[in-house]
C-alpha atoms as a PDB file:
ATOM      1  CA  GLN A   1      16.879  24.282   9.335  1.00  0.00           C
ATOM      2  CA  VAL A   2      16.165  22.645  12.666  1.00  0.00           C
ATOM      3  CA  GLN A   3      17.488  19.152  13.226  1.00  0.00           C
ATOM      4  CA  LEU A   4      17.154  16.941  16.263  1.00  0.00           C
ATOM      5  CA  VAL A   5      19.261  13.818  16.538  1.00  0.00           C
ATOM      6  CA  GLU A   6      18.683  11.305  19.316  1.00  0.00           C
ATOM      7  CA  SER A   7      21.214   8.816  20.574  1.00  0.00           C
ATOM      8  CA  GLY A   8      21.872   6.652  23.597  1.00  0.00           C
ATOM      9  CA  GLY A   9      19.246   3.998  23.200  1.00  0.00           C
ATOM     10  CA  GLY A  10      20.035   0.332  23.608  1.00  0.00           C
ATOM     11  CA  SER A  11      19.220  -2.866  25.431  1.00  0.00           C
ATOM     12  CA  VAL A  12      19.447  -3.180  29.200  1.00  0.00           C
ATOM     13  CA  GLN A  13      18.130  -5.433  31.911  1.00  0.00           C
ATOM     14  CA  THR A  14      15.504  -4.497  34.448  1.00  0.00           C
ATOM     15  CA  GLY A  15      16.889  -2.024  36.943  1.00  0.00           C
ATOM     16  CA  GLY A  16      19.484  -0.703  34.562  1.00  0.00           C
ATOM     17  CA  SER A  17      20.046   2.831  33.356  1.00  0.00           C
ATOM     18  CA  LEU A  18      20.421   4.645  30.070  1.00  0.00           C
ATOM     19  CA  ARG A  19      21.004   8.251  29.124  1.00  0.00           C
ATOM     20  CA  LEU A  20      19.383   9.518  25.958  1.00  0.00           C
ATOM     21  CA  SER A  21      20.741  12.560  24.175  1.00  0.00           C
ATOM     22  CA  CYS A  22      19.037  14.934  21.779  1.00  0.00           C
ATOM     23  CA  ALA A  23      21.451  17.132  19.869  1.00  0.00           C
ATOM     24  CA  ALA A  24      19.820  20.170  18.330  1.00  0.00           C
ATOM     25  CA  SER A  25      21.030  22.247  15.420  1.00  0.00           C
ATOM     26  CA  GLY A  26      19.400  25.347  14.015  1.00  0.00           C
ATOM     27  CA  TYR A  27      17.520  25.740  17.262  1.00  0.00           C
ATOM     28  CA  SER A  28      18.240  27.260  20.637  1.00  0.00           C
ATOM     29  CA  ILE A  29      17.445  24.692  23.302  1.00  0.00           C
ATOM     30  CA  SER A  30      16.969  27.491  25.807  1.00  0.00           C
ATOM     31  CA  SER A  31      13.885  28.731  23.956  1.00  0.00           C
ATOM     32  CA  GLY A  32      10.438  27.255  23.935  1.00  0.00           C
ATOM     33  CA  CYS A  33      10.005  23.664  25.013  1.00  0.00           C
ATOM     34  CA  MET A  34      11.778  20.420  24.363  1.00  0.00           C
ATOM     35  CA  GLY A  35      10.175  17.125  25.160  1.00  0.00           C
ATOM     36  CA  TRP A  36      10.793  13.424  25.180  1.00  0.00           C
ATOM     37  CA  PHE A  37       8.098  11.097  23.925  1.00  0.00           C
ATOM     38  CA  ARG A  38       7.938   7.358  23.550  1.00  0.00           C
ATOM     39  CA  GLN A  39       5.872   4.942  21.542  1.00  0.00           C
ATOM     40  CA  ALA A  40       5.598   1.230  22.141  1.00  0.00           C
ATOM     41  CA  PRO A  41       4.236  -1.133  19.475  1.00  0.00           C
ATOM     42  CA  GLY A  42       0.467  -0.890  19.273  1.00  0.00           C
ATOM     43  CA  LYS A  43       0.326   2.063  21.633  1.00  0.00           C
ATOM     44  CA  GLU A  44      -0.073   5.788  21.200  1.00  0.00           C
ATOM     45  CA  ARG A  45       2.853   8.149  21.484  1.00  0.00           C
ATOM     46  CA  GLU A  46       3.065   9.501  25.011  1.00  0.00           C
ATOM     47  CA  GLY A  47       4.926  12.415  26.509  1.00  0.00           C
ATOM     48  CA  ILE A  48       7.189  11.478  29.366  1.00  0.00           C
ATOM     49  CA  ALA A  49       9.393  14.491  30.101  1.00  0.00           C
ATOM     50  CA  ALA A  50       9.687  18.084  28.963  1.00  0.00           C
ATOM     51  CA  VAL A  51      11.681  21.164  29.779  1.00  0.00           C
ATOM     52  CA  CYS A  52      10.489  24.675  28.952  1.00  0.00           C
ATOM     53  CA  ARG A  53      11.695  28.248  29.161  1.00  0.00           C
ATOM     54  CA  GLY A  54      15.347  27.449  29.463  1.00  0.00           C
ATOM     55  CA  GLY A  55      14.827  24.873  32.162  1.00  0.00           C
ATOM     56  CA  VAL A  56      12.658  26.970  34.441  1.00  0.00           C
ATOM     57  CA  TYR A  57       9.880  24.420  34.073  1.00  0.00           C
ATOM     58  CA  SER A  58      10.300  20.659  33.969  1.00  0.00           C
ATOM     59  CA  TYR A  59       7.524  18.164  33.554  1.00  0.00           C
ATOM     60  CA  TYR A  60       7.367  14.412  34.065  1.00  0.00           C
ATOM     61  CA  ALA A  61       4.750  11.781  33.411  1.00  0.00           C
ATOM     62  CA  ASP A  62       3.669   9.912  36.518  1.00  0.00           C
ATOM     63  CA  SER A  63       5.123   6.720  35.096  1.00  0.00           C
ATOM     64  CA  VAL A  64       8.684   8.105  35.167  1.00  0.00           C
ATOM     65  CA  LYS A  65       8.562  10.657  37.975  1.00  0.00           C
ATOM     66  CA  GLY A  66      11.263   9.990  40.528  1.00  0.00           C
ATOM     67  CA  ARG A  67      13.137   7.632  38.204  1.00  0.00           C
ATOM     68  CA  TRP A  68      14.117   9.869  35.324  1.00  0.00           C
ATOM     69  CA  THR A  69      15.553  13.333  34.892  1.00  0.00           C
ATOM     70  CA  ILE A  70      15.510  15.702  31.949  1.00  0.00           C
ATOM     71  CA  PHE A  71      18.313  18.228  31.767  1.00  0.00           C
ATOM     72  CA  ARG A  72      20.166  20.242  29.182  1.00  0.00           C
ATOM     73  CA  ASP A  73      23.619  21.463  28.283  1.00  0.00           C
ATOM     74  CA  ASN A  74      23.273  24.764  26.465  1.00  0.00           C
ATOM     75  CA  ALA A  75      26.914  24.771  25.390  1.00  0.00           C
ATOM     76  CA  LYS A  76      26.386  21.494  23.570  1.00  0.00           C
ATOM     77  CA  SER A  77      22.847  22.327  22.409  1.00  0.00           C
ATOM     78  CA  THR A  78      21.824  18.991  23.822  1.00  0.00           C
ATOM     79  CA  VAL A  79      18.957  17.843  25.990  1.00  0.00           C
ATOM     80  CA  TYR A  80      19.344  14.634  27.946  1.00  0.00           C
ATOM     81  CA  LEU A  81      17.042  12.120  29.522  1.00  0.00           C
ATOM     82  CA  GLN A  82      18.632  10.153  32.337  1.00  0.00           C
ATOM     83  CA  MET A  83      16.627   6.972  32.796  1.00  0.00           C
ATOM     84  CA  ASN A  84      17.154   4.933  35.952  1.00  0.00           C
ATOM     85  CA  SER A  85      15.393   1.867  37.346  1.00  0.00           C
ATOM     86  CA  LEU A  86      14.252   0.763  33.910  1.00  0.00           C
ATOM     87  CA  THR A  87      11.542  -1.843  33.583  1.00  0.00           C
ATOM     88  CA  PRO A  88      10.237  -3.839  30.596  1.00  0.00           C
ATOM     89  CA  GLU A  89       7.290  -1.415  30.471  1.00  0.00           C
ATOM     90  CA  ASP A  90       9.760   1.283  29.410  1.00  0.00           C
ATOM     91  CA  THR A  91      10.538  -0.572  26.189  1.00  0.00           C
ATOM     92  CA  ALA A  92       9.680   1.748  23.304  1.00  0.00           C
ATOM     93  CA  MET A  93      11.007   4.012  20.601  1.00  0.00           C
ATOM     94  CA  TYR A  94      11.980   7.308  22.179  1.00  0.00           C
ATOM     95  CA  TYR A  95      11.671  10.613  20.348  1.00  0.00           C
ATOM     96  CA  CYS A  96      12.913  14.096  21.038  1.00  0.00           C
ATOM     97  CA  ALA A  97      10.733  17.041  20.019  1.00  0.00           C
ATOM     98  CA  ALA A  98      11.001  20.809  20.052  1.00  0.00           C
ATOM     99  CA  VAL A  99       8.857  23.873  19.629  1.00  0.00           C
ATOM    100  CA  MET A 100      10.034  27.495  19.596  1.00  0.00           C
ATOM    101  CA  ALA A 101       7.463  28.734  22.057  1.00  0.00           C
ATOM    102  CA  TRP A 102       6.165  27.911  25.450  1.00  0.00           C
ATOM    103  CA  ILE A 103       3.206  25.574  25.185  1.00  0.00           C
ATOM    104  CA  PRO A 104       0.494  25.033  27.790  1.00  0.00           C
ATOM    105  CA  ARG A 105       0.378  21.262  27.332  1.00  0.00           C
ATOM    106  CA  PRO A 106       3.965  19.994  27.142  1.00  0.00           C
ATOM    107  CA  PHE A 107       2.863  16.373  26.635  1.00  0.00           C
ATOM    108  CA  ASP A 108       0.616  17.134  23.685  1.00  0.00           C
ATOM    109  CA  ASN A 109       2.640  15.888  20.718  1.00  0.00           C
ATOM    110  CA  LEU A 110       0.549  17.981  18.313  1.00  0.00           C
ATOM    111  CA  GLN A 111       2.072  21.128  19.790  1.00  0.00           C
ATOM    112  CA  TYR A 112       5.617  20.212  18.796  1.00  0.00           C
ATOM    113  CA  ARG A 113       6.952  21.228  15.427  1.00  0.00           C
ATOM    114  CA  TYR A 114      10.289  19.449  15.185  1.00  0.00           C
ATOM    115  CA  TRP A 115      11.011  15.774  15.786  1.00  0.00           C
ATOM    116  CA  GLY A 116      14.019  13.532  15.811  1.00  0.00           C
ATOM    117  CA  GLN A 117      14.192  10.140  14.143  1.00  0.00           C
ATOM    118  CA  GLY A 118      13.942   8.186  17.389  1.00  0.00           C
ATOM    119  CA  THR A 119      16.136   5.822  19.343  1.00  0.00           C
ATOM    120  CA  GLN A 120      15.086   2.373  20.539  1.00  0.00           C
ATOM    121  CA  VAL A 121      15.138   1.385  24.194  1.00  0.00           C
ATOM    122  CA  THR A 122      14.629  -2.263  25.080  1.00  0.00           C
ATOM    123  CA  VAL A 123      14.464  -3.467  28.672  1.00  0.00           C
ATOM    124  CA  SER A 124      14.541  -7.199  29.352  1.00  0.00           C
ATOM    125  CA  SER A 125      13.408  -8.938  32.502  1.00  0.00           C
END
């Protein structure tokens, strides 16, 4: 049974940093794709970063490109999202997702099969 458990969320001020973790069990993080999504109140869930095919391909939404980095530690079966230069617009619930195949649209949440429970990120001005 595949389980994804996020951690690392919290409250920070504008300009601060956080590192989110997604620990996977029952799933090889080097296969398929793993993505990070976020959802703010009243807004749709959006994909912000994804890594596919064992890290060969990485994808970032324009809103986070240059500020954030997705990377993985195969030994720990964990995918991370390093978030720098946070702004209040980054406030949301953040979710980790996985699918055991390469997918052509890594920010399409309908293509992911497994989801974590989410971790809250709050950025104050």
